[in-house]
Full PDB file with SEQRES, HELIX, SHEET, SSBOND, CRYST1, ORIGX, SCALE, CONECT and MASTER records, all heavy atoms in Angstrom:
SEQRES   1 A   35  ILE SER HIS PHE LYS SER ASN TYR ARG ILE ILE ILE PRO          
SEQRES   2 A   35  LEU MET PRO ILE HIS ASP MET PRO ILE LYS GLU ALA GLY          
SEQRES   3 A   35  CYS GLU GLY LEU THR VAL PHE ILE GLU                          
HELIX    1 AA1 ILE A   22  GLU A   24  5                                   3    
HELIX    2 AA2 CYS A   27  ILE A   34  1                                   8    
CRYST1    1.000    1.000    1.000  90.00  90.00  90.00 P 1           1          
ORIGX1      1.000000  0.000000  0.000000        0.00000                         
ORIGX2      0.000000  1.000000  0.000000        0.00000                         
ORIGX3      0.000000  0.000000  1.000000        0.00000                         
SCALE1      1.000000  0.000000  0.000000        0.00000                         
SCALE2      0.000000  1.000000  0.000000        0.00000                         
SCALE3      0.000000  0.000000  1.000000        0.00000                         
ATOM      1  N   ILE A   1     -61.499  14.303 -10.751  1.00  0.00           N  
ATOM      2  CA  ILE A   1     -60.070  14.628 -10.643  1.00  0.00           C  
ATOM      3  C   ILE A   1     -59.707  14.889  -9.186  1.00  0.00           C  
ATOM      4  O   ILE A   1     -58.728  14.338  -8.654  1.00  0.00           O  
ATOM      5  CB  ILE A   1     -59.708  15.869 -11.500  1.00  0.00           C  
ATOM      6  CG1 ILE A   1     -60.032  15.658 -12.968  1.00  0.00           C  
ATOM      7  CG2 ILE A   1     -58.220  16.206 -11.340  1.00  0.00           C  
ATOM      8  CD1 ILE A   1     -59.932  16.923 -13.810  1.00  0.00           C  
ATOM      9  N   SER A   2     -60.510  15.729  -8.516  1.00  0.00           N  
ATOM     10  CA  SER A   2     -60.225  16.094  -7.122  1.00  0.00           C  
ATOM     11  C   SER A   2     -60.135  14.866  -6.231  1.00  0.00           C  
ATOM     12  O   SER A   2     -59.274  14.778  -5.355  1.00  0.00           O  
ATOM     13  CB  SER A   2     -61.323  17.031  -6.585  1.00  0.00           C  
ATOM     14  OG  SER A   2     -61.411  18.187  -7.370  1.00  0.00           O  
ATOM     15  N   HIS A   3     -61.014  13.912  -6.465  1.00  0.00           N  
ATOM     16  CA  HIS A   3     -61.086  12.721  -5.605  1.00  0.00           C  
ATOM     17  C   HIS A   3     -59.945  11.741  -5.873  1.00  0.00           C  
ATOM     18  O   HIS A   3     -59.394  11.152  -4.927  1.00  0.00           O  
ATOM     19  CB  HIS A   3     -62.425  12.016  -5.820  1.00  0.00           C  
ATOM     20  CG  HIS A   3     -62.620  10.813  -4.954  1.00  0.00           C  
ATOM     21  ND1 HIS A   3     -63.140  10.897  -3.683  1.00  0.00           N  
ATOM     22  CD2 HIS A   3     -62.348   9.497  -5.164  1.00  0.00           C  
ATOM     23  CE1 HIS A   3     -63.179   9.686  -3.147  1.00  0.00           C  
ATOM     24  NE2 HIS A   3     -62.713   8.816  -4.024  1.00  0.00           N  
ATOM     25  N   PHE A   4     -59.578  11.569  -7.133  1.00  0.00           N  
ATOM     26  CA  PHE A   4     -58.670  10.476  -7.502  1.00  0.00           C  
ATOM     27  C   PHE A   4     -57.218  10.884  -7.749  1.00  0.00           C  
ATOM     28  O   PHE A   4     -56.348  10.015  -7.822  1.00  0.00           O  
ATOM     29  CB  PHE A   4     -59.204   9.755  -8.753  1.00  0.00           C  
ATOM     30  CG  PHE A   4     -60.403   8.904  -8.486  1.00  0.00           C  
ATOM     31  CD1 PHE A   4     -61.686   9.387  -8.724  1.00  0.00           C  
ATOM     32  CD2 PHE A   4     -60.272   7.615  -7.990  1.00  0.00           C  
ATOM     33  CE1 PHE A   4     -62.806   8.604  -8.473  1.00  0.00           C  
ATOM     34  CE2 PHE A   4     -61.384   6.817  -7.738  1.00  0.00           C  
ATOM     35  CZ  PHE A   4     -62.652   7.312  -7.973  1.00  0.00           C  
ATOM     36  N   LYS A   5     -56.944  12.178  -7.871  1.00  0.00           N  
ATOM     37  CA  LYS A   5     -55.602  12.583  -8.320  1.00  0.00           C  
ATOM     38  C   LYS A   5     -54.494  12.229  -7.331  1.00  0.00           C  
ATOM     39  O   LYS A   5     -53.321  12.161  -7.713  1.00  0.00           O  
ATOM     40  CB  LYS A   5     -55.574  14.080  -8.629  1.00  0.00           C  
ATOM     41  CG  LYS A   5     -55.725  14.973  -7.410  1.00  0.00           C  
ATOM     42  CD  LYS A   5     -55.558  16.433  -7.804  1.00  0.00           C  
ATOM     43  CE  LYS A   5     -55.654  17.323  -6.569  1.00  0.00           C  
ATOM     44  NZ  LYS A   5     -55.411  18.729  -6.904  1.00  0.00           N  
ATOM     45  N   SER A   6     -54.843  11.996  -6.062  1.00  0.00           N  
ATOM     46  CA  SER A   6     -53.811  11.657  -5.082  1.00  0.00           C  
ATOM     47  C   SER A   6     -53.310  10.227  -5.235  1.00  0.00           C  
ATOM     48  O   SER A   6     -52.212   9.888  -4.783  1.00  0.00           O  
ATOM     49  CB  SER A   6     -54.326  11.879  -3.658  1.00  0.00           C  
ATOM     50  OG  SER A   6     -55.502  11.127  -3.441  1.00  0.00           O  
ATOM     51  N   ASN A   7     -54.109   9.377  -5.895  1.00  0.00           N  
ATOM     52  CA  ASN A   7     -53.714   7.970  -6.036  1.00  0.00           C  
ATOM     53  C   ASN A   7     -53.613   7.491  -7.487  1.00  0.00           C  
ATOM     54  O   ASN A   7     -53.153   6.374  -7.731  1.00  0.00           O  
ATOM     55  CB  ASN A   7     -54.725   7.073  -5.308  1.00  0.00           C  
ATOM     56  CG  ASN A   7     -54.695   7.292  -3.808  1.00  0.00           C  
ATOM     57  OD1 ASN A   7     -53.644   7.267  -3.194  1.00  0.00           O  
ATOM     58  ND2 ASN A   7     -55.859   7.545  -3.223  1.00  0.00           N  
ATOM     59  N   TYR A   8     -54.074   8.297  -8.412  1.00  0.00           N  
ATOM     60  CA  TYR A   8     -54.102   7.897  -9.822  1.00  0.00           C  
ATOM     61  C   TYR A   8     -53.587   9.041 -10.698  1.00  0.00           C  
ATOM     62  O   TYR A   8     -53.604  10.208 -10.295  1.00  0.00           O  
ATOM     63  CB  TYR A   8     -55.528   7.556 -10.277  1.00  0.00           C  
ATOM     64  CG  TYR A   8     -56.121   6.348  -9.597  1.00  0.00           C  
ATOM     65  CD1 TYR A   8     -56.781   6.475  -8.376  1.00  0.00           C  
ATOM     66  CD2 TYR A   8     -56.033   5.085 -10.181  1.00  0.00           C  
ATOM     67  CE1 TYR A   8     -57.339   5.367  -7.748  1.00  0.00           C  
ATOM     68  CE2 TYR A   8     -56.597   3.972  -9.567  1.00  0.00           C  
ATOM     69  CZ  TYR A   8     -57.243   4.123  -8.347  1.00  0.00           C  
ATOM     70  OH  TYR A   8     -57.800   3.027  -7.730  1.00  0.00           O  
ATOM     71  N   ARG A   9     -53.154   8.694 -11.893  1.00  0.00           N  
ATOM     72  CA  ARG A   9     -52.829   9.697 -12.913  1.00  0.00           C  
ATOM     73  C   ARG A   9     -54.060   9.832 -13.814  1.00  0.00           C  
ATOM     74  O   ARG A   9     -54.478   8.861 -14.448  1.00  0.00           O  
ATOM     75  CB  ARG A   9     -51.618   9.264 -13.733  1.00  0.00           C  
ATOM     76  CG  ARG A   9     -51.221  10.284 -14.809  1.00  0.00           C  
ATOM     77  CD  ARG A   9     -50.079   9.760 -15.660  1.00  0.00           C  
ATOM     78  NE  ARG A   9     -49.771  10.669 -16.754  1.00  0.00           N  
ATOM     79  CZ  ARG A   9     -48.992  10.353 -17.787  1.00  0.00           C  
ATOM     80  NH1 ARG A   9     -48.409   9.138 -17.838  1.00  0.00           N  
ATOM     81  NH2 ARG A   9     -48.775  11.219 -18.751  1.00  0.00           N  
ATOM     82  N   ILE A  10     -54.622  11.015 -13.847  1.00  0.00           N  
ATOM     83  CA  ILE A  10     -55.854  11.251 -14.589  1.00  0.00           C  
ATOM     84  C   ILE A  10     -55.553  12.048 -15.859  1.00  0.00           C  
ATOM     85  O   ILE A  10     -54.999  13.149 -15.799  1.00  0.00           O  
ATOM     86  CB  ILE A  10     -56.880  12.007 -13.724  1.00  0.00           C  
ATOM     87  CG1 ILE A  10     -57.221  11.151 -12.496  1.00  0.00           C  
ATOM     88  CG2 ILE A  10     -58.137  12.314 -14.514  1.00  0.00           C  
ATOM     89  CD1 ILE A  10     -57.989  11.876 -11.441  1.00  0.00           C  
ATOM     90  N   ILE A  11     -55.919  11.478 -16.992  1.00  0.00           N  
ATOM     91  CA  ILE A  11     -55.677  12.125 -18.285  1.00  0.00           C  
ATOM     92  C   ILE A  11     -57.012  12.287 -19.010  1.00  0.00           C  
ATOM     93  O   ILE A  11     -57.775  11.324 -19.159  1.00  0.00           O  
ATOM     94  CB  ILE A  11     -54.707  11.299 -19.151  1.00  0.00           C  
ATOM     95  CG1 ILE A  11     -53.377  11.092 -18.400  1.00  0.00           C  
ATOM     96  CG2 ILE A  11     -54.463  11.984 -20.495  1.00  0.00           C  
ATOM     97  CD1 ILE A  11     -52.385  10.208 -19.119  1.00  0.00           C  
ATOM     98  N   ILE A  12     -57.297  13.521 -19.425  1.00  0.00           N  
ATOM     99  CA  ILE A  12     -58.573  13.812 -20.098  1.00  0.00           C  
ATOM    100  C   ILE A  12     -58.292  14.633 -21.353  1.00  0.00           C  
ATOM    101  O   ILE A  12     -58.013  15.828 -21.276  1.00  0.00           O  
ATOM    102  CB  ILE A  12     -59.533  14.594 -19.184  1.00  0.00           C  
ATOM    103  CG1 ILE A  12     -59.570  13.991 -17.775  1.00  0.00           C  
ATOM    104  CG2 ILE A  12     -60.934  14.626 -19.794  1.00  0.00           C  
ATOM    105  CD1 ILE A  12     -60.311  14.839 -16.760  1.00  0.00           C  
ATOM    106  N   PRO A  13     -58.366  14.021 -22.532  1.00  0.00           N  
ATOM    107  CA  PRO A  13     -58.171  14.788 -23.771  1.00  0.00           C  
ATOM    108  C   PRO A  13     -59.453  15.517 -24.175  1.00  0.00           C  
ATOM    109  O   PRO A  13     -60.558  15.002 -23.974  1.00  0.00           O  
ATOM    110  CB  PRO A  13     -57.821  13.710 -24.795  1.00  0.00           C  
ATOM    111  CG  PRO A  13     -58.515  12.477 -24.290  1.00  0.00           C  
ATOM    112  CD  PRO A  13     -58.547  12.581 -22.785  1.00  0.00           C  
ATOM    113  N   LEU A  14     -59.298  16.705 -24.713  1.00  0.00           N  
ATOM    114  CA  LEU A  14     -60.428  17.428 -25.287  1.00  0.00           C  
ATOM    115  C   LEU A  14     -60.644  16.887 -26.691  1.00  0.00           C  
ATOM    116  O   LEU A  14     -59.785  17.035 -27.563  1.00  0.00           O  
ATOM    117  CB  LEU A  14     -60.134  18.933 -25.326  1.00  0.00           C  
ATOM    118  CG  LEU A  14     -61.260  19.808 -25.889  1.00  0.00           C  
ATOM    119  CD1 LEU A  14     -62.496  19.764 -25.003  1.00  0.00           C  
ATOM    120  CD2 LEU A  14     -60.771  21.245 -26.061  1.00  0.00           C  
ATOM    121  N   MET A  15     -61.777  16.245 -26.917  1.00  0.00           N  
ATOM    122  CA  MET A  15     -62.033  15.676 -28.249  1.00  0.00           C  
ATOM    123  C   MET A  15     -62.425  16.790 -29.227  1.00  0.00           C  
ATOM    124  O   MET A  15     -63.141  17.723 -28.865  1.00  0.00           O  
ATOM    125  CB  MET A  15     -63.110  14.592 -28.159  1.00  0.00           C  
ATOM    126  CG  MET A  15     -62.639  13.376 -27.395  1.00  0.00           C  
ATOM    127  SD  MET A  15     -63.582  11.865 -27.747  1.00  0.00           S  
ATOM    128  CE  MET A  15     -65.105  12.189 -26.877  1.00  0.00           C  
ATOM    129  N   PRO A  16     -61.977  16.697 -30.493  1.00  0.00           N  
ATOM    130  CA  PRO A  16     -62.152  17.792 -31.460  1.00  0.00           C  
ATOM    131  C   PRO A  16     -63.537  17.806 -32.101  1.00  0.00           C  
ATOM    132  O   PRO A  16     -63.670  17.881 -33.328  1.00  0.00           O  
ATOM    133  CB  PRO A  16     -61.059  17.489 -32.492  1.00  0.00           C  
ATOM    134  CG  PRO A  16     -60.992  15.986 -32.502  1.00  0.00           C  
ATOM    135  CD  PRO A  16     -61.224  15.564 -31.071  1.00  0.00           C  
ATOM    136  N   ILE A  17     -64.567  17.736 -31.267  1.00  0.00           N  
ATOM    137  CA  ILE A  17     -65.940  17.613 -31.752  1.00  0.00           C  
ATOM    138  C   ILE A  17     -66.350  18.801 -32.623  1.00  0.00           C  
ATOM    139  O   ILE A  17     -67.055  18.642 -33.622  1.00  0.00           O  
ATOM    140  CB  ILE A  17     -66.899  17.442 -30.558  1.00  0.00           C  
ATOM    141  CG1 ILE A  17     -66.752  16.019 -29.979  1.00  0.00           C  
ATOM    142  CG2 ILE A  17     -68.348  17.705 -30.945  1.00  0.00           C  
ATOM    143  CD1 ILE A  17     -67.403  15.808 -28.640  1.00  0.00           C  
ATOM    144  N   HIS A  18     -65.875  19.987 -32.270  1.00  0.00           N  
ATOM    145  CA  HIS A  18     -66.350  21.197 -32.955  1.00  0.00           C  
ATOM    146  C   HIS A  18     -65.491  21.623 -34.141  1.00  0.00           C  
ATOM    147  O   HIS A  18     -65.898  22.476 -34.917  1.00  0.00           O  
ATOM    148  CB  HIS A  18     -66.432  22.368 -31.961  1.00  0.00           C  
ATOM    149  CG  HIS A  18     -67.258  22.050 -30.762  1.00  0.00           C  
ATOM    150  ND1 HIS A  18     -66.886  22.386 -29.479  1.00  0.00           N  
ATOM    151  CD2 HIS A  18     -68.430  21.391 -30.654  1.00  0.00           C  
ATOM    152  CE1 HIS A  18     -67.798  21.963 -28.631  1.00  0.00           C  
ATOM    153  NE2 HIS A  18     -68.735  21.346 -29.314  1.00  0.00           N  
ATOM    154  N   ASP A  19     -64.292  21.041 -34.263  1.00  0.00           N  
ATOM    155  CA  ASP A  19     -63.411  21.539 -35.322  1.00  0.00           C  
ATOM    156  C   ASP A  19     -62.727  20.455 -36.133  1.00  0.00           C  
ATOM    157  O   ASP A  19     -61.827  20.742 -36.916  1.00  0.00           O  
ATOM    158  CB  ASP A  19     -62.353  22.482 -34.732  1.00  0.00           C  
ATOM    159  CG  ASP A  19     -61.626  21.881 -33.525  1.00  0.00           C  
ATOM    160  OD1 ASP A  19     -61.714  20.652 -33.331  1.00  0.00           O  
ATOM    161  OD2 ASP A  19     -60.988  22.651 -32.787  1.00  0.00           O  
ATOM    162  N   MET A  20     -63.144  19.188 -35.962  1.00  0.00           N  
ATOM    163  CA  MET A  20     -62.536  18.145 -36.785  1.00  0.00           C  
ATOM    164  C   MET A  20     -63.065  18.256 -38.215  1.00  0.00           C  
ATOM    165  O   MET A  20     -64.151  18.826 -38.438  1.00  0.00           O  
ATOM    166  CB  MET A  20     -62.826  16.758 -36.190  1.00  0.00           C  
ATOM    167  CG  MET A  20     -64.285  16.337 -36.194  1.00  0.00           C  
ATOM    168  SD  MET A  20     -64.611  14.888 -35.133  1.00  0.00           S  
ATOM    169  CE  MET A  20     -63.467  13.698 -35.811  1.00  0.00           C  
ATOM    170  N   PRO A  21     -62.318  17.769 -39.203  1.00  0.00           N  
ATOM    171  CA  PRO A  21     -62.813  17.818 -40.582  1.00  0.00           C  
ATOM    172  C   PRO A  21     -64.201  17.176 -40.677  1.00  0.00           C  
ATOM    173  O   PRO A  21     -64.430  16.106 -40.103  1.00  0.00           O  
ATOM    174  CB  PRO A  21     -61.768  16.999 -41.352  1.00  0.00           C  
ATOM    175  CG  PRO A  21     -60.523  17.121 -40.536  1.00  0.00           C  
ATOM    176  CD  PRO A  21     -60.978  17.161 -39.105  1.00  0.00           C  
ATOM    177  N   ILE A  22     -65.108  17.833 -41.369  1.00  0.00           N  
ATOM    178  CA  ILE A  22     -66.503  17.382 -41.403  1.00  0.00           C  
ATOM    179  C   ILE A  22     -66.629  15.948 -41.922  1.00  0.00           C  
ATOM    180  O   ILE A  22     -67.484  15.187 -41.457  1.00  0.00           O  
ATOM    181  CB  ILE A  22     -67.376  18.357 -42.243  1.00  0.00           C  
ATOM    182  CG1 ILE A  22     -68.863  18.054 -42.084  1.00  0.00           C  
ATOM    183  CG2 ILE A  22     -66.960  18.349 -43.703  1.00  0.00           C  
ATOM    184  CD1 ILE A  22     -69.423  18.326 -40.728  1.00  0.00           C  
ATOM    185  N   LYS A  23     -65.754  15.544 -42.842  1.00  0.00           N  
ATOM    186  CA  LYS A  23     -65.803  14.171 -43.372  1.00  0.00           C  
ATOM    187  C   LYS A  23     -65.426  13.142 -42.316  1.00  0.00           C  
ATOM    188  O   LYS A  23     -65.768  11.968 -42.444  1.00  0.00           O  
ATOM    189  CB  LYS A  23     -64.878  14.039 -44.590  1.00  0.00           C  
ATOM    190  CG  LYS A  23     -65.383  14.766 -45.827  1.00  0.00           C  
ATOM    191  CD  LYS A  23     -64.440  14.551 -46.995  1.00  0.00           C  
ATOM    192  CE  LYS A  23     -64.947  15.272 -48.235  1.00  0.00           C  
ATOM    193  NZ  LYS A  23     -64.014  15.101 -49.390  1.00  0.00           N  
ATOM    194  N   GLU A  24     -64.710  13.577 -41.291  1.00  0.00           N  
ATOM    195  CA  GLU A  24     -64.276  12.662 -40.227  1.00  0.00           C  
ATOM    196  C   GLU A  24     -65.155  12.758 -38.983  1.00  0.00           C  
ATOM    197  O   GLU A  24     -64.916  12.044 -38.003  1.00  0.00           O  
ATOM    198  CB  GLU A  24     -62.821  12.972 -39.844  1.00  0.00           C  
ATOM    199  CG  GLU A  24     -61.836  12.756 -40.982  1.00  0.00           C  
ATOM    200  CD  GLU A  24     -60.444  13.274 -40.636  1.00  0.00           C  
ATOM    201  OE1 GLU A  24     -60.174  13.499 -39.432  1.00  0.00           O  
ATOM    202  OE2 GLU A  24     -59.638  13.454 -41.574  1.00  0.00           O  
ATOM    203  N   ALA A  25     -66.157  13.628 -39.015  1.00  0.00           N  
ATOM    204  CA  ALA A  25     -66.989  13.884 -37.838  1.00  0.00           C  
ATOM    205  C   ALA A  25     -67.922  12.704 -37.580  1.00  0.00           C  
ATOM    206  O   ALA A  25     -68.974  12.567 -38.193  1.00  0.00           O  
ATOM    207  CB  ALA A  25     -67.792  15.171 -38.030  1.00  0.00           C  
ATOM    208  N   GLY A  26     -67.513  11.838 -36.674  1.00  0.00           N  
ATOM    209  CA  GLY A  26     -68.308  10.659 -36.342  1.00  0.00           C  
ATOM    210  C   GLY A  26     -67.558   9.804 -35.343  1.00  0.00           C  
ATOM    211  O   GLY A  26     -66.444  10.140 -34.912  1.00  0.00           O  
ATOM    212  N   CYS A  27     -68.160   8.702 -34.967  1.00  0.00           N  
ATOM    213  CA  CYS A  27     -67.541   7.804 -33.975  1.00  0.00           C  
ATOM    214  C   CYS A  27     -66.184   7.291 -34.438  1.00  0.00           C  
ATOM    215  O   CYS A  27     -65.242   7.200 -33.649  1.00  0.00           O  
ATOM    216  CB  CYS A  27     -68.478   6.626 -33.695  1.00  0.00           C  
ATOM    217  SG  CYS A  27     -70.023   7.109 -32.909  1.00  0.00           S  
ATOM    218  N   GLU A  28     -66.076   6.977 -35.711  1.00  0.00           N  
ATOM    219  CA  GLU A  28     -64.815   6.454 -36.251  1.00  0.00           C  
ATOM    220  C   GLU A  28     -63.702   7.498 -36.137  1.00  0.00           C  
ATOM    221  O   GLU A  28     -62.598   7.208 -35.666  1.00  0.00           O  
ATOM    222  CB  GLU A  28     -65.002   6.033 -37.706  1.00  0.00           C  
ATOM    223  CG  GLU A  28     -63.727   5.678 -38.468  1.00  0.00           C  
ATOM    224  CD  GLU A  28     -63.023   4.437 -37.940  1.00  0.00           C  
ATOM    225  OE1 GLU A  28     -63.686   3.600 -37.293  1.00  0.00           O  
ATOM    226  OE2 GLU A  28     -61.806   4.304 -38.163  1.00  0.00           O  
ATOM    227  N   GLY A  29     -63.987   8.723 -36.574  1.00  0.00           N  
ATOM    228  CA  GLY A  29     -62.996   9.789 -36.540  1.00  0.00           C  
ATOM    229  C   GLY A  29     -62.537  10.105 -35.123  1.00  0.00           C  
ATOM    230  O   GLY A  29     -61.355  10.345 -34.877  1.00  0.00           O  
ATOM    231  N   LEU A  30     -63.488  10.092 -34.170  1.00  0.00           N  
ATOM    232  CA  LEU A  30     -63.143  10.371 -32.779  1.00  0.00           C  
ATOM    233  C   LEU A  30     -62.318   9.237 -32.176  1.00  0.00           C  
ATOM    234  O   LEU A  30     -61.407   9.476 -31.375  1.00  0.00           O  
ATOM    235  CB  LEU A  30     -64.411  10.600 -31.959  1.00  0.00           C  
ATOM    236  CG  LEU A  30     -65.155  11.903 -32.272  1.00  0.00           C  
ATOM    237  CD1 LEU A  30     -66.511  11.925 -31.580  1.00  0.00           C  
ATOM    238  CD2 LEU A  30     -64.340  13.126 -31.860  1.00  0.00           C  
ATOM    239  N   THR A  31     -62.615   7.996 -32.575  1.00  0.00           N  
ATOM    240  CA  THR A  31     -61.835   6.863 -32.077  1.00  0.00           C  
ATOM    241  C   THR A  31     -60.399   6.940 -32.598  1.00  0.00           C  
ATOM    242  O   THR A  31     -59.441   6.690 -31.852  1.00  0.00           O  
ATOM    243  CB  THR A  31     -62.479   5.531 -32.488  1.00  0.00           C  
ATOM    244  OG1 THR A  31     -63.829   5.494 -32.021  1.00  0.00           O  
ATOM    245  CG2 THR A  31     -61.720   4.349 -31.904  1.00  0.00           C  
ATOM    246  N   VAL A  32     -60.238   7.295 -33.863  1.00  0.00           N  
ATOM    247  CA  VAL A  32     -58.896   7.458 -34.437  1.00  0.00           C  
ATOM    248  C   VAL A  32     -58.138   8.553 -33.686  1.00  0.00           C  
ATOM    249  O   VAL A  32     -56.943   8.421 -33.404  1.00  0.00           O  
ATOM    250  CB  VAL A  32     -58.977   7.782 -35.951  1.00  0.00           C  
ATOM    251  CG1 VAL A  32     -57.610   8.208 -36.492  1.00  0.00           C  
ATOM    252  CG2 VAL A  32     -59.515   6.585 -36.723  1.00  0.00           C  
ATOM    253  N   PHE A  33     -58.850   9.634 -33.341  1.00  0.00           N  
ATOM    254  CA  PHE A  33     -58.231  10.721 -32.571  1.00  0.00           C  
ATOM    255  C   PHE A  33     -57.699  10.195 -31.231  1.00  0.00           C  
ATOM    256  O   PHE A  33     -56.569  10.506 -30.835  1.00  0.00           O  
ATOM    257  CB  PHE A  33     -59.248  11.842 -32.328  1.00  0.00           C  
ATOM    258  CG  PHE A  33     -58.755  12.924 -31.399  1.00  0.00           C  
ATOM    259  CD1 PHE A  33     -57.991  13.974 -31.870  1.00  0.00           C  
ATOM    260  CD2 PHE A  33     -59.060  12.875 -30.036  1.00  0.00           C  
ATOM    261  CE1 PHE A  33     -57.520  14.957 -31.002  1.00  0.00           C  
ATOM    262  CE2 PHE A  33     -58.591  13.852 -29.170  1.00  0.00           C  
ATOM    263  CZ  PHE A  33     -57.826  14.900 -29.649  1.00  0.00           C  
ATOM    264  N   ILE A  34     -58.495   9.393 -30.535  1.00  0.00           N  
ATOM    265  CA  ILE A  34     -58.073   8.838 -29.245  1.00  0.00           C  
ATOM    266  C   ILE A  34     -56.918   7.851 -29.441  1.00  0.00           C  
ATOM    267  O   ILE A  34     -55.958   7.836 -28.652  1.00  0.00           O  
ATOM    268  CB  ILE A  34     -59.251   8.170 -28.516  1.00  0.00           C  
ATOM    269  CG1 ILE A  34     -60.318   9.219 -28.154  1.00  0.00           C  
ATOM    270  CG2 ILE A  34     -58.783   7.432 -27.259  1.00  0.00           C  
ATOM    271  CD1 ILE A  34     -59.822  10.352 -27.273  1.00  0.00           C  
ATOM    272  N   GLU A  35     -56.975   7.061 -30.506  1.00  0.00           N  
ATOM    273  CA  GLU A  35     -55.854   6.148 -30.804  1.00  0.00           C  
ATOM    274  C   GLU A  35     -54.554   6.934 -30.986  1.00  0.00           C  
ATOM    275  O   GLU A  35     -53.512   6.554 -30.435  1.00  0.00           O  
ATOM    276  CB  GLU A  35     -56.163   5.336 -32.065  1.00  0.00           C  
ATOM    277  CG  GLU A  35     -57.234   4.279 -31.871  1.00  0.00           C  
ATOM    278  CD  GLU A  35     -57.633   3.594 -33.170  1.00  0.00           C  
ATOM    279  OE1 GLU A  35     -57.570   4.241 -34.238  1.00  0.00           O  
ATOM    280  OE2 GLU A  35     -58.014   2.420 -33.114  1.00  0.00           O  
TER     281      GLU A  35                                                      
MASTER        0    0    0    2    0    0    0    6  280    1    0    3          
END                                                                             
């Protein structure tokens, strides 16, 4: 962030790894979250 923020817009979402519904806890569920 420190290096690139002067020339780029940096967006970093916190993925719900610790609190997403257990049935959705996996690569598919995390991809849907990012979508």
